Amino acid sequence: SPGGQIVERSAKSVELTPEVRACFGIEASHLAPAELMRRLLTAKVDLLWFGGIGTYIKESGETNAEAGDKANDALRVDGRDLRATVVGEG
């Protein structure tokens, strides 16, 4: 897609393209990778699709440790914060 990027999680900061900023309503020109992923996870979208690797969403009363996927602790969000119409995984 126009403005799309592939970003290393180890990057200190991601320079956002004008297309990404407009599509997701982000005013900042740079974000840390984990913050960008949190913003994408909680974006108002029709479909949020997961390929089955990683735990990016947890129940609000659950801890990151209970989710059991330490690699994604920095970006995991509570299910109540999702604004997607449908979430799919598989």
N, C-alpha and C. Protein backbone atom coordinates (compact mmCIF):
# COMPACT_ATOMS: atom_id res chain seq x y z
N SER A 1 0.84 -1.19 0.00
CA SER A 1 0.00 0.00 0.00
C SER A 1 0.88 1.25 0.00
N PRO A 2 0.40 2.31 -0.60
CA PRO A 2 1.18 3.56 -0.57
C PRO A 2 1.48 3.99 0.87
N GLY A 3 2.73 4.31 1.12
CA GLY A 3 3.14 4.76 2.45
C GLY A 3 3.45 3.63 3.41
N GLY A 4 3.27 2.38 3.00
CA GLY A 4 3.54 1.24 3.86
C GLY A 4 5.03 1.11 4.16
N GLN A 5 5.35 0.47 5.27
CA GLN A 5 6.73 0.33 5.69
C GLN A 5 6.94 -1.03 6.34
N ILE A 6 8.16 -1.50 6.32
CA ILE A 6 8.60 -2.62 7.13
C ILE A 6 9.54 -2.04 8.15
N VAL A 7 9.28 -2.30 9.43
CA VAL A 7 10.02 -1.64 10.51
C VAL A 7 10.60 -2.68 11.45
N GLU A 8 11.84 -2.52 11.80
CA GLU A 8 12.49 -3.38 12.80
C GLU A 8 11.99 -2.99 14.19
N ARG A 9 11.62 -3.97 14.98
CA ARG A 9 11.20 -3.69 16.36
C ARG A 9 12.33 -3.07 17.17
N SER A 10 13.55 -3.35 16.80
CA SER A 10 14.70 -2.83 17.55
C SER A 10 14.99 -1.36 17.26
N ALA A 11 14.31 -0.78 16.29
CA ALA A 11 14.54 0.64 15.96
C ALA A 11 14.16 1.51 17.16
N LYS A 12 14.88 2.58 17.34
CA LYS A 12 14.58 3.53 18.42
C LYS A 12 13.33 4.34 18.09
N SER A 13 13.15 4.65 16.80
CA SER A 13 12.06 5.50 16.37
C SER A 13 11.71 5.16 14.92
N VAL A 14 10.43 5.32 14.60
CA VAL A 14 9.95 5.07 13.24
C VAL A 14 9.47 6.39 12.66
N GLU A 15 10.01 6.77 11.51
CA GLU A 15 9.50 7.96 10.82
C GLU A 15 8.25 7.54 10.06
N LEU A 16 7.12 8.13 10.43
CA LEU A 16 5.84 7.75 9.83
C LEU A 16 5.64 8.48 8.50
N THR A 17 5.14 7.74 7.53
CA THR A 17 4.85 8.34 6.24
C THR A 17 3.57 9.17 6.36
N PRO A 18 3.38 10.13 5.47
CA PRO A 18 2.15 10.92 5.50
C PRO A 18 0.90 10.04 5.36
N GLU A 19 0.99 8.97 4.58
CA GLU A 19 -0.16 8.08 4.39
C GLU A 19 -0.54 7.37 5.68
N VAL A 20 0.46 6.88 6.42
CA VAL A 20 0.19 6.21 7.69
C VAL A 20 -0.40 7.19 8.70
N ARG A 21 0.18 8.37 8.76
CA ARG A 21 -0.32 9.38 9.70
C ARG A 21 -1.77 9.74 9.40
N ALA A 22 -2.10 9.90 8.15
CA ALA A 22 -3.47 10.26 7.76
C ALA A 22 -4.44 9.11 8.02
N CYS A 23 -4.05 7.92 7.63
CA CYS A 23 -4.93 6.75 7.75
C CYS A 23 -5.28 6.45 9.20
N PHE A 24 -4.31 6.59 10.10
CA PHE A 24 -4.53 6.22 11.49
C PHE A 24 -4.67 7.41 12.42
N GLY A 25 -4.75 8.62 11.87
CA GLY A 25 -4.97 9.81 12.69
C GLY A 25 -3.86 10.08 13.69
N ILE A 26 -2.63 9.87 13.27
CA ILE A 26 -1.47 10.08 14.15
C ILE A 26 -0.84 11.43 13.81
N GLU A 27 -0.75 12.29 14.80
CA GLU A 27 -0.16 13.61 14.57
C GLU A 27 1.36 13.58 14.60
N ALA A 28 1.92 12.72 15.42
CA ALA A 28 3.38 12.65 15.57
C ALA A 28 4.04 12.20 14.28
N SER A 29 5.22 12.72 14.02
CA SER A 29 5.95 12.31 12.81
C SER A 29 6.82 11.08 13.07
N HIS A 30 7.11 10.79 14.34
CA HIS A 30 7.92 9.64 14.74
C HIS A 30 7.28 8.98 15.95
N LEU A 31 7.35 7.65 16.01
CA LEU A 31 6.92 6.89 17.19
C LEU A 31 7.89 5.74 17.41
N ALA A 32 7.98 5.28 18.66
CA ALA A 32 8.72 4.05 18.93
C ALA A 32 7.94 2.89 18.30
N PRO A 33 8.62 1.85 17.84
CA PRO A 33 7.93 0.74 17.19
C PRO A 33 6.78 0.14 18.02
N ALA A 34 7.00 -0.07 19.32
CA ALA A 34 5.94 -0.65 20.16
C ALA A 34 4.73 0.28 20.23
N GLU A 35 4.96 1.58 20.31
CA GLU A 35 3.85 2.54 20.35
C GLU A 35 3.09 2.53 19.03
N LEU A 36 3.80 2.46 17.92
CA LEU A 36 3.13 2.38 16.62
C LEU A 36 2.26 1.13 16.55
N MET A 37 2.78 0.01 16.99
CA MET A 37 2.00 -1.24 16.95
C MET A 37 0.78 -1.16 17.86
N ARG A 38 0.91 -0.54 19.04
CA ARG A 38 -0.26 -0.35 19.92
C ARG A 38 -1.31 0.51 19.23
N ARG A 39 -0.87 1.56 18.53
CA ARG A 39 -1.82 2.42 17.82
C ARG A 39 -2.54 1.65 16.72
N LEU A 40 -1.80 0.79 16.02
CA LEU A 40 -2.42 0.00 14.95
C LEU A 40 -3.39 -1.03 15.53
N LEU A 41 -3.04 -1.63 16.65
CA LEU A 41 -3.92 -2.61 17.28
C LEU A 41 -5.23 -1.99 17.74
N THR A 42 -5.19 -0.72 18.13
CA THR A 42 -6.40 -0.07 18.66
C THR A 42 -7.06 0.86 17.65
N ALA A 43 -6.63 0.78 16.40
CA ALA A 43 -7.21 1.64 15.35
C ALA A 43 -8.65 1.22 15.04
N LYS A 44 -9.43 2.17 14.61
CA LYS A 44 -10.80 1.88 14.18
C LYS A 44 -10.73 1.30 12.76
N VAL A 45 -10.92 0.00 12.68
CA VAL A 45 -10.83 -0.71 11.40
C VAL A 45 -11.97 -1.71 11.30
N ASP A 46 -12.23 -2.18 10.08
CA ASP A 46 -13.25 -3.21 9.90
C ASP A 46 -12.75 -4.57 10.36
N LEU A 47 -11.49 -4.91 10.01
CA LEU A 47 -10.95 -6.22 10.32
C LEU A 47 -9.54 -6.11 10.87
N LEU A 48 -9.30 -6.78 11.99
CA LEU A 48 -7.98 -6.91 12.57
C LEU A 48 -7.65 -8.39 12.49
N TRP A 49 -6.68 -8.76 11.66
CA TRP A 49 -6.37 -10.16 11.40
C TRP A 49 -5.01 -10.53 11.94
N PHE A 50 -4.95 -11.64 12.67
CA PHE A 50 -3.71 -12.16 13.22
C PHE A 50 -3.41 -13.50 12.56
N GLY A 51 -2.16 -13.71 12.23
CA GLY A 51 -1.76 -14.95 11.60
C GLY A 51 -1.52 -16.09 12.59
N GLY A 52 -1.75 -15.86 13.86
CA GLY A 52 -1.63 -16.92 14.83
C GLY A 52 -0.32 -16.95 15.61
N ILE A 53 0.60 -16.05 15.34
CA ILE A 53 1.86 -16.04 16.07
C ILE A 53 1.90 -14.80 16.96
N GLY A 54 1.99 -15.00 18.25
CA GLY A 54 2.07 -13.88 19.18
C GLY A 54 0.74 -13.61 19.86
N THR A 55 0.85 -13.08 21.08
CA THR A 55 -0.34 -12.71 21.84
C THR A 55 -0.32 -11.20 22.00
N TYR A 56 -1.17 -10.52 21.22
CA TYR A 56 -1.17 -9.07 21.17
C TYR A 56 -2.31 -8.45 21.98
N ILE A 57 -3.27 -9.26 22.39
CA ILE A 57 -4.44 -8.77 23.11
C ILE A 57 -4.64 -9.64 24.34
N LYS A 58 -5.00 -9.00 25.44
CA LYS A 58 -5.29 -9.74 26.66
C LYS A 58 -6.56 -9.22 27.30
N GLU A 59 -7.10 -9.97 28.21
CA GLU A 59 -8.25 -9.55 28.98
C GLU A 59 -7.78 -8.49 29.98
N SER A 60 -8.61 -7.51 30.29
CA SER A 60 -8.17 -6.38 31.12
C SER A 60 -7.70 -6.79 32.51
N GLY A 61 -8.20 -7.88 33.05
CA GLY A 61 -7.78 -8.33 34.37
C GLY A 61 -6.57 -9.24 34.33
N GLU A 62 -6.11 -9.56 33.15
CA GLU A 62 -4.98 -10.46 32.96
C GLU A 62 -3.68 -9.67 32.95
N THR A 63 -2.63 -10.24 33.49
CA THR A 63 -1.32 -9.59 33.45
C THR A 63 -0.59 -10.03 32.18
N ASN A 64 0.43 -9.27 31.81
CA ASN A 64 1.25 -9.67 30.66
C ASN A 64 1.87 -11.05 30.90
N ALA A 65 2.29 -11.31 32.13
CA ALA A 65 2.88 -12.62 32.44
C ALA A 65 1.87 -13.74 32.20
N GLU A 66 0.63 -13.50 32.56
CA GLU A 66 -0.42 -14.51 32.34
C GLU A 66 -0.71 -14.72 30.86
N ALA A 67 -0.49 -13.69 30.04
CA ALA A 67 -0.70 -13.84 28.60
C ALA A 67 0.33 -14.80 28.01
N GLY A 68 1.50 -14.90 28.64
CA GLY A 68 2.48 -15.90 28.27
C GLY A 68 3.24 -15.65 26.98
N ASP A 69 3.46 -14.40 26.63
CA ASP A 69 4.22 -14.09 25.41
C ASP A 69 5.07 -12.85 25.69
N LYS A 70 6.16 -13.05 26.42
CA LYS A 70 7.00 -11.93 26.88
C LYS A 70 7.49 -11.03 25.75
N ALA A 71 7.72 -11.59 24.58
CA ALA A 71 8.23 -10.80 23.45
C ALA A 71 7.29 -9.66 23.07
N ASN A 72 6.00 -9.79 23.38
CA ASN A 72 5.03 -8.77 22.99
C ASN A 72 4.47 -7.97 24.17
N ASP A 73 5.09 -8.08 25.34
CA ASP A 73 4.61 -7.34 26.51
C ASP A 73 4.54 -5.84 26.26
N ALA A 74 5.51 -5.28 25.54
CA ALA A 74 5.59 -3.83 25.35
C ALA A 74 4.48 -3.27 24.47
N LEU A 75 3.84 -4.12 23.67
CA LEU A 75 2.82 -3.60 22.77
C LEU A 75 1.43 -4.16 23.02
N ARG A 76 1.30 -5.15 23.89
CA ARG A 76 0.01 -5.80 24.14
C ARG A 76 -1.03 -4.80 24.65
N VAL A 77 -2.27 -4.97 24.21
CA VAL A 77 -3.37 -4.09 24.62
C VAL A 77 -4.49 -4.93 25.23
N ASP A 78 -5.35 -4.28 25.98
CA ASP A 78 -6.53 -4.93 26.54
C ASP A 78 -7.61 -5.03 25.48
N GLY A 79 -8.35 -6.13 25.50
CA GLY A 79 -9.42 -6.33 24.53
C GLY A 79 -10.44 -5.20 24.53
N ARG A 80 -10.70 -4.61 25.68
CA ARG A 80 -11.69 -3.52 25.74
C ARG A 80 -11.25 -2.28 24.97
N ASP A 81 -9.95 -2.20 24.63
CA ASP A 81 -9.43 -1.04 23.90
C ASP A 81 -9.50 -1.21 22.38
N LEU A 82 -9.90 -2.40 21.93
CA LEU A 82 -10.01 -2.62 20.49
C LEU A 82 -11.18 -1.85 19.92
N ARG A 83 -11.00 -1.35 18.70
CA ARG A 83 -12.08 -0.65 18.02
C ARG A 83 -12.39 -1.32 16.67
N ALA A 84 -11.82 -2.50 16.46
CA ALA A 84 -12.08 -3.25 15.22
C ALA A 84 -13.50 -3.83 15.29
N THR A 85 -14.14 -3.87 14.13
CA THR A 85 -15.46 -4.48 14.05
C THR A 85 -15.36 -5.99 14.22
N VAL A 86 -14.35 -6.60 13.60
CA VAL A 86 -14.14 -8.05 13.65
C VAL A 86 -12.65 -8.32 13.91
N VAL A 87 -12.37 -9.32 14.76
CA VAL A 87 -11.00 -9.78 14.98
C VAL A 87 -10.95 -11.23 14.54
N GLY A 88 -9.98 -11.55 13.68
CA GLY A 88 -9.80 -12.91 13.21
C GLY A 88 -8.42 -13.42 13.51
N GLU A 89 -8.30 -14.72 13.65
CA GLU A 89 -6.99 -15.32 13.91
C GLU A 89 -6.97 -16.70 13.28
N GLY A 90 -5.84 -17.05 12.76
CA GLY A 90 -5.76 -18.40 12.21
C GLY A 90 -4.53 -18.60 11.37
